[in-house]
């Protein structure tokens, strides 16, 4: 019980922190992620200040944009590692490859599902999706290092059959 109250939440917080660090590192390496993280935020601020200069209230636009950014952050960093961690704990999956692989896969698929991409992704979008897979894999791997190696609690030994 103490594992569910202390270790798993601590491991999830550390994994999410590692995901944010991995996202910053990936944005340095990948121009597509740099544009997504830095350029997109810069364009948002330019648009909001442009609306304010024209005398239009930027509040509703800013609120909608930040809600979308929050949902994307949740879909990339939080939801994949939590879903995989809970599934691995329930089914006692102790493999680091399973935990980091599934987390990476979900980190790429959840934002796609949320945005509803109805066409084939372009080259730059594929590069961003690859970066999201790596970010998710790093998140899942850090969770596995802290709490996943003992997923599902202690291994139970089979009961002795009574034979010598």
C-alpha atoms as a PDB file:
ATOM      1  CA  UNK A   1       0.000   0.000   0.000  1.00  0.00           C
ATOM      2  CA  UNK A   2       2.869   2.338   0.801  1.00  0.00           C
ATOM      3  CA  UNK A   3       4.140   1.727  -2.717  1.00  0.00           C
ATOM      4  CA  UNK A   4       0.919   3.161  -4.233  1.00  0.00           C
ATOM      5  CA  UNK A   5       0.938   6.136  -1.867  1.00  0.00           C
ATOM      6  CA  UNK A   6       4.598   7.192  -2.038  1.00  0.00           C
ATOM      7  CA  UNK A   7       6.802   5.401  -4.550  1.00  0.00           C
ATOM      8  CA  UNK A   8       4.551   5.433  -7.600  1.00  0.00           C
ATOM      9  CA  UNK A   9       3.522   9.125  -7.320  1.00  0.00           C
ATOM     10  CA  UNK A  10       7.173  10.078  -6.735  1.00  0.00           C
ATOM     11  CA  UNK A  11       8.253   8.015  -9.758  1.00  0.00           C
ATOM     12  CA  UNK A  12       5.534   9.609 -11.898  1.00  0.00           C
ATOM     13  CA  UNK A  13       6.553  13.150 -10.916  1.00  0.00           C
ATOM     14  CA  UNK A  14      10.219  12.380 -11.622  1.00  0.00           C
ATOM     15  CA  UNK A  15       9.280  10.775 -14.963  1.00  0.00           C
ATOM     16  CA  UNK A  16       7.227  13.824 -15.978  1.00  0.00           C
ATOM     17  CA  UNK A  17      10.140  16.072 -15.036  1.00  0.00           C
ATOM     18  CA  UNK A  18      12.424  13.913 -17.158  1.00  0.00           C
ATOM     19  CA  UNK A  19       9.908  14.228 -19.998  1.00  0.00           C
ATOM     20  CA  UNK A  20      10.058  18.021 -19.811  1.00  0.00           C
ATOM     21  CA  UNK A  21      13.864  17.914 -19.810  1.00  0.00           C
ATOM     22  CA  UNK A  22      13.799  15.504 -22.762  1.00  0.00           C
ATOM     23  CA  UNK A  23      11.439  17.866 -24.586  1.00  0.00           C
ATOM     24  CA  UNK A  24      13.819  20.783 -24.049  1.00  0.00           C
ATOM     25  CA  UNK A  25      16.781  18.702 -25.259  1.00  0.00           C
ATOM     26  CA  UNK A  26      14.824  17.465 -28.273  1.00  0.00           C
ATOM     27  CA  UNK A  27      13.868  21.036 -29.166  1.00  0.00           C
ATOM     28  CA  UNK A  28      17.571  21.910 -29.316  1.00  0.00           C
ATOM     29  CA  UNK A  29      18.261  19.026 -31.707  1.00  0.00           C
ATOM     30  CA  UNK A  30      15.117  19.018 -33.842  1.00  0.00           C
ATOM     31  CA  UNK A  31      14.082  22.085 -35.849  1.00  0.00           C
ATOM     32  CA  UNK A  32      10.520  20.748 -36.035  1.00  0.00           C
ATOM     33  CA  UNK A  33      10.195  20.547 -32.266  1.00  0.00           C
ATOM     34  CA  UNK A  34      11.909  23.909 -31.887  1.00  0.00           C
ATOM     35  CA  UNK A  35       9.275  25.448 -34.141  1.00  0.00           C
ATOM     36  CA  UNK A  36       6.518  23.650 -32.267  1.00  0.00           C
ATOM     37  CA  UNK A  37       7.709  24.711 -28.811  1.00  0.00           C
ATOM     38  CA  UNK A  38       9.455  28.048 -29.321  1.00  0.00           C
ATOM     39  CA  UNK A  39       8.082  29.323 -32.616  1.00  0.00           C
ATOM     40  CA  UNK A  40       4.508  28.395 -31.843  1.00  0.00           C
ATOM     41  CA  UNK A  41       4.615  30.207 -28.512  1.00  0.00           C
ATOM     42  CA  UNK A  42       6.199  33.262 -30.158  1.00  0.00           C
ATOM     43  CA  UNK A  43       3.500  33.318 -32.847  1.00  0.00           C
ATOM     44  CA  UNK A  44       0.817  33.018 -30.183  1.00  0.00           C
ATOM     45  CA  UNK A  45       2.167  36.021 -28.290  1.00  0.00           C
ATOM     46  CA  UNK A  46       2.441  38.035 -31.529  1.00  0.00           C
ATOM     47  CA  UNK A  47      -1.172  37.204 -32.384  1.00  0.00           C
ATOM     48  CA  UNK A  48      -2.411  38.126 -28.909  1.00  0.00           C
ATOM     49  CA  UNK A  49      -0.564  41.447 -28.892  1.00  0.00           C
ATOM     50  CA  UNK A  50      -1.802  42.078 -32.449  1.00  0.00           C
ATOM     51  CA  UNK A  51      -5.376  41.604 -31.294  1.00  0.00           C
ATOM     52  CA  UNK A  52      -4.800  43.983 -28.387  1.00  0.00           C
ATOM     53  CA  UNK A  53      -3.312  46.604 -30.746  1.00  0.00           C
ATOM     54  CA  UNK A  54      -6.440  46.398 -32.927  1.00  0.00           C
ATOM     55  CA  UNK A  55      -8.631  47.009 -29.880  1.00  0.00           C
ATOM     56  CA  UNK A  56      -9.968  43.436 -29.749  1.00  0.00           C
ATOM     57  CA  UNK A  57     -10.038  41.688 -26.388  1.00  0.00           C
ATOM     58  CA  UNK A  58      -7.379  38.933 -26.588  1.00  0.00           C
ATOM     59  CA  UNK A  59      -8.722  37.201 -23.460  1.00  0.00           C
ATOM     60  CA  UNK A  60     -10.926  34.544 -25.107  1.00  0.00           C
ATOM     61  CA  UNK A  61      -8.273  33.749 -27.711  1.00  0.00           C
ATOM     62  CA  UNK A  62      -5.569  33.483 -25.073  1.00  0.00           C
ATOM     63  CA  UNK A  63      -7.762  31.284 -22.912  1.00  0.00           C
ATOM     64  CA  UNK A  64      -8.533  28.918 -25.798  1.00  0.00           C
ATOM     65  CA  UNK A  65      -4.865  28.764 -26.840  1.00  0.00           C
ATOM     66  CA  UNK A  66      -3.615  28.030 -23.337  1.00  0.00           C
ATOM     67  CA  UNK A  67      -6.292  25.379 -22.813  1.00  0.00           C
ATOM     68  CA  UNK A  68      -5.124  23.693 -26.028  1.00  0.00           C
ATOM     69  CA  UNK A  69      -1.480  23.940 -24.915  1.00  0.00           C
ATOM     70  CA  UNK A  70      -2.398  22.454 -21.553  1.00  0.00           C
ATOM     71  CA  UNK A  71      -4.233  19.575 -23.183  1.00  0.00           C
ATOM     72  CA  UNK A  72      -1.322  18.913 -25.526  1.00  0.00           C
ATOM     73  CA  UNK A  73       1.112  18.958 -22.612  1.00  0.00           C
ATOM     74  CA  UNK A  74      -1.138  16.565 -20.731  1.00  0.00           C
ATOM     75  CA  UNK A  75      -1.372  14.282 -23.785  1.00  0.00           C
ATOM     76  CA  UNK A  76       2.405  14.286 -24.338  1.00  0.00           C
ATOM     77  CA  UNK A  77       3.857  14.223 -20.820  1.00  0.00           C
ATOM     78  CA  UNK A  78       1.269  13.207 -18.216  1.00  0.00           C
ATOM     79  CA  UNK A  79      -1.304  10.810 -19.675  1.00  0.00           C
ATOM     80  CA  UNK A  80       1.036   8.319 -21.407  1.00  0.00           C
ATOM     81  CA  UNK A  81       3.243   7.640 -18.397  1.00  0.00           C
ATOM     82  CA  UNK A  82       0.300   7.443 -15.988  1.00  0.00           C
ATOM     83  CA  UNK A  83      -1.688   5.065 -18.207  1.00  0.00           C
ATOM     84  CA  UNK A  84       1.270   2.778 -18.843  1.00  0.00           C
ATOM     85  CA  UNK A  85       2.372   2.854 -15.195  1.00  0.00           C
ATOM     86  CA  UNK A  86      -1.078   1.864 -13.946  1.00  0.00           C
ATOM     87  CA  UNK A  87      -1.387  -0.897 -16.560  1.00  0.00           C
ATOM     88  CA  UNK A  88       2.084  -2.237 -15.755  1.00  0.00           C
ATOM     89  CA  UNK A  89       1.355  -2.172 -12.040  1.00  0.00           C
ATOM     90  CA  UNK A  90      -1.961  -3.962 -12.452  1.00  0.00           C
ATOM     91  CA  UNK A  91      -0.554  -6.646 -14.757  1.00  0.00           C
ATOM     92  CA  UNK A  92       2.884  -6.862 -13.037  1.00  0.00           C
ATOM     93  CA  UNK A  93       4.770  -5.999 -16.229  1.00  0.00           C
ATOM     94  CA  UNK A  94       8.356  -5.364 -15.159  1.00  0.00           C
ATOM     95  CA  UNK A  95       9.991  -4.870 -18.547  1.00  0.00           C
ATOM     96  CA  UNK A  96      11.654  -1.512 -19.131  1.00  0.00           C
ATOM     97  CA  UNK A  97      11.246  -2.025 -22.867  1.00  0.00           C
ATOM     98  CA  UNK A  98       7.492  -2.453 -22.517  1.00  0.00           C
ATOM     99  CA  UNK A  99       7.123   0.541 -20.215  1.00  0.00           C
ATOM    100  CA  UNK A 100       9.262   2.939 -22.232  1.00  0.00           C
ATOM    101  CA  UNK A 101       7.998   1.653 -25.596  1.00  0.00           C
ATOM    102  CA  UNK A 102       4.320   1.918 -24.735  1.00  0.00           C
ATOM    103  CA  UNK A 103       4.810   5.318 -23.138  1.00  0.00           C
ATOM    104  CA  UNK A 104       6.625   6.545 -26.261  1.00  0.00           C
ATOM    105  CA  UNK A 105       3.898   5.180 -28.519  1.00  0.00           C
ATOM    106  CA  UNK A 106       1.159   6.819 -26.478  1.00  0.00           C
ATOM    107  CA  UNK A 107       3.078  10.110 -26.324  1.00  0.00           C
ATOM    108  CA  UNK A 108       2.904  10.277 -30.123  1.00  0.00           C
ATOM    109  CA  UNK A 109      -0.593   8.846 -30.632  1.00  0.00           C
ATOM    110  CA  UNK A 110      -2.540  10.793 -27.984  1.00  0.00           C
ATOM    111  CA  UNK A 111      -1.757  14.245 -29.451  1.00  0.00           C
ATOM    112  CA  UNK A 112      -2.561  12.920 -32.931  1.00  0.00           C
ATOM    113  CA  UNK A 113      -5.903  11.640 -31.731  1.00  0.00           C
ATOM    114  CA  UNK A 114      -6.585  14.879 -29.924  1.00  0.00           C
ATOM    115  CA  UNK A 115      -5.811  17.010 -32.970  1.00  0.00           C
ATOM    116  CA  UNK A 116      -7.619  14.647 -35.333  1.00  0.00           C
ATOM    117  CA  UNK A 117      -5.012  14.495 -38.078  1.00  0.00           C
ATOM    118  CA  UNK A 118      -7.062  13.303 -41.071  1.00  0.00           C
ATOM    119  CA  UNK A 119      -4.266  13.265 -43.636  1.00  0.00           C
ATOM    120  CA  UNK A 120      -0.856  11.735 -44.050  1.00  0.00           C
ATOM    121  CA  UNK A 121       1.716  13.638 -41.967  1.00  0.00           C
ATOM    122  CA  UNK A 122       4.365  15.710 -43.739  1.00  0.00           C
ATOM    123  CA  UNK A 123       8.091  15.144 -43.263  1.00  0.00           C
ATOM    124  CA  UNK A 124       8.332  17.790 -40.561  1.00  0.00           C
ATOM    125  CA  UNK A 125       5.341  16.292 -38.747  1.00  0.00           C
ATOM    126  CA  UNK A 126       6.936  12.841 -38.870  1.00  0.00           C
ATOM    127  CA  UNK A 127      10.067  14.350 -37.333  1.00  0.00           C
ATOM    128  CA  UNK A 128       7.969  15.876 -34.542  1.00  0.00           C
ATOM    129  CA  UNK A 129       6.200  12.537 -33.985  1.00  0.00           C
ATOM    130  CA  UNK A 130       9.587  10.809 -33.757  1.00  0.00           C
ATOM    131  CA  UNK A 131      10.647  13.358 -31.174  1.00  0.00           C
ATOM    132  CA  UNK A 132       7.449  12.745 -29.207  1.00  0.00           C
ATOM    133  CA  UNK A 133       8.108   8.997 -29.237  1.00  0.00           C
ATOM    134  CA  UNK A 134      11.594   9.596 -27.828  1.00  0.00           C
ATOM    135  CA  UNK A 135      10.275  12.013 -25.204  1.00  0.00           C
ATOM    136  CA  UNK A 136       7.668   9.464 -24.130  1.00  0.00           C
ATOM    137  CA  UNK A 137      10.238   6.669 -24.100  1.00  0.00           C
ATOM    138  CA  UNK A 138      12.504   8.730 -21.851  1.00  0.00           C
ATOM    139  CA  UNK A 139       9.577   9.403 -19.538  1.00  0.00           C
ATOM    140  CA  UNK A 140       8.643   5.729 -19.370  1.00  0.00           C
ATOM    141  CA  UNK A 141      12.252   4.692 -18.826  1.00  0.00           C
ATOM    142  CA  UNK A 142      12.683   7.030 -15.855  1.00  0.00           C
ATOM    143  CA  UNK A 143       9.473   5.686 -14.323  1.00  0.00           C
ATOM    144  CA  UNK A 144      10.758   2.129 -14.826  1.00  0.00           C
ATOM    145  CA  UNK A 145      14.095   2.984 -13.191  1.00  0.00           C
ATOM    146  CA  UNK A 146      12.397   4.306 -10.075  1.00  0.00           C
ATOM    147  CA  UNK A 147       9.312   2.122  -9.619  1.00  0.00           C
ATOM    148  CA  UNK A 148       8.707  -0.091 -12.639  1.00  0.00           C
ATOM    149  CA  UNK A 149      11.280  -2.776 -11.968  1.00  0.00           C
ATOM    150  CA  UNK A 150       9.126  -3.954  -9.091  1.00  0.00           C
ATOM    151  CA  UNK A 151       5.779  -3.424 -10.818  1.00  0.00           C
ATOM    152  CA  UNK A 152       2.873  -5.159  -9.186  1.00  0.00           C
ATOM    153  CA  UNK A 153       4.626  -5.468  -5.841  1.00  0.00           C
ATOM    154  CA  UNK A 154       6.720  -8.338  -4.610  1.00  0.00           C
ATOM    155  CA  UNK A 155       6.934 -11.511  -6.654  1.00  0.00           C
ATOM    156  CA  UNK A 156       5.198 -14.352  -4.954  1.00  0.00           C
ATOM    157  CA  UNK A 157       6.958 -17.665  -4.777  1.00  0.00           C
ATOM    158  CA  UNK A 158       4.819 -20.722  -5.509  1.00  0.00           C
ATOM    159  CA  UNK A 159       3.661 -22.535  -2.420  1.00  0.00           C
ATOM    160  CA  UNK A 160       5.684 -25.564  -1.422  1.00  0.00           C
ATOM    161  CA  UNK A 161       4.050 -28.821  -2.457  1.00  0.00           C
ATOM    162  CA  UNK A 162       4.939 -30.578   0.755  1.00  0.00           C
ATOM    163  CA  UNK A 163       7.170 -33.116  -0.977  1.00  0.00           C
ATOM    164  CA  UNK A 164      10.782 -33.396   0.224  1.00  0.00           C
END
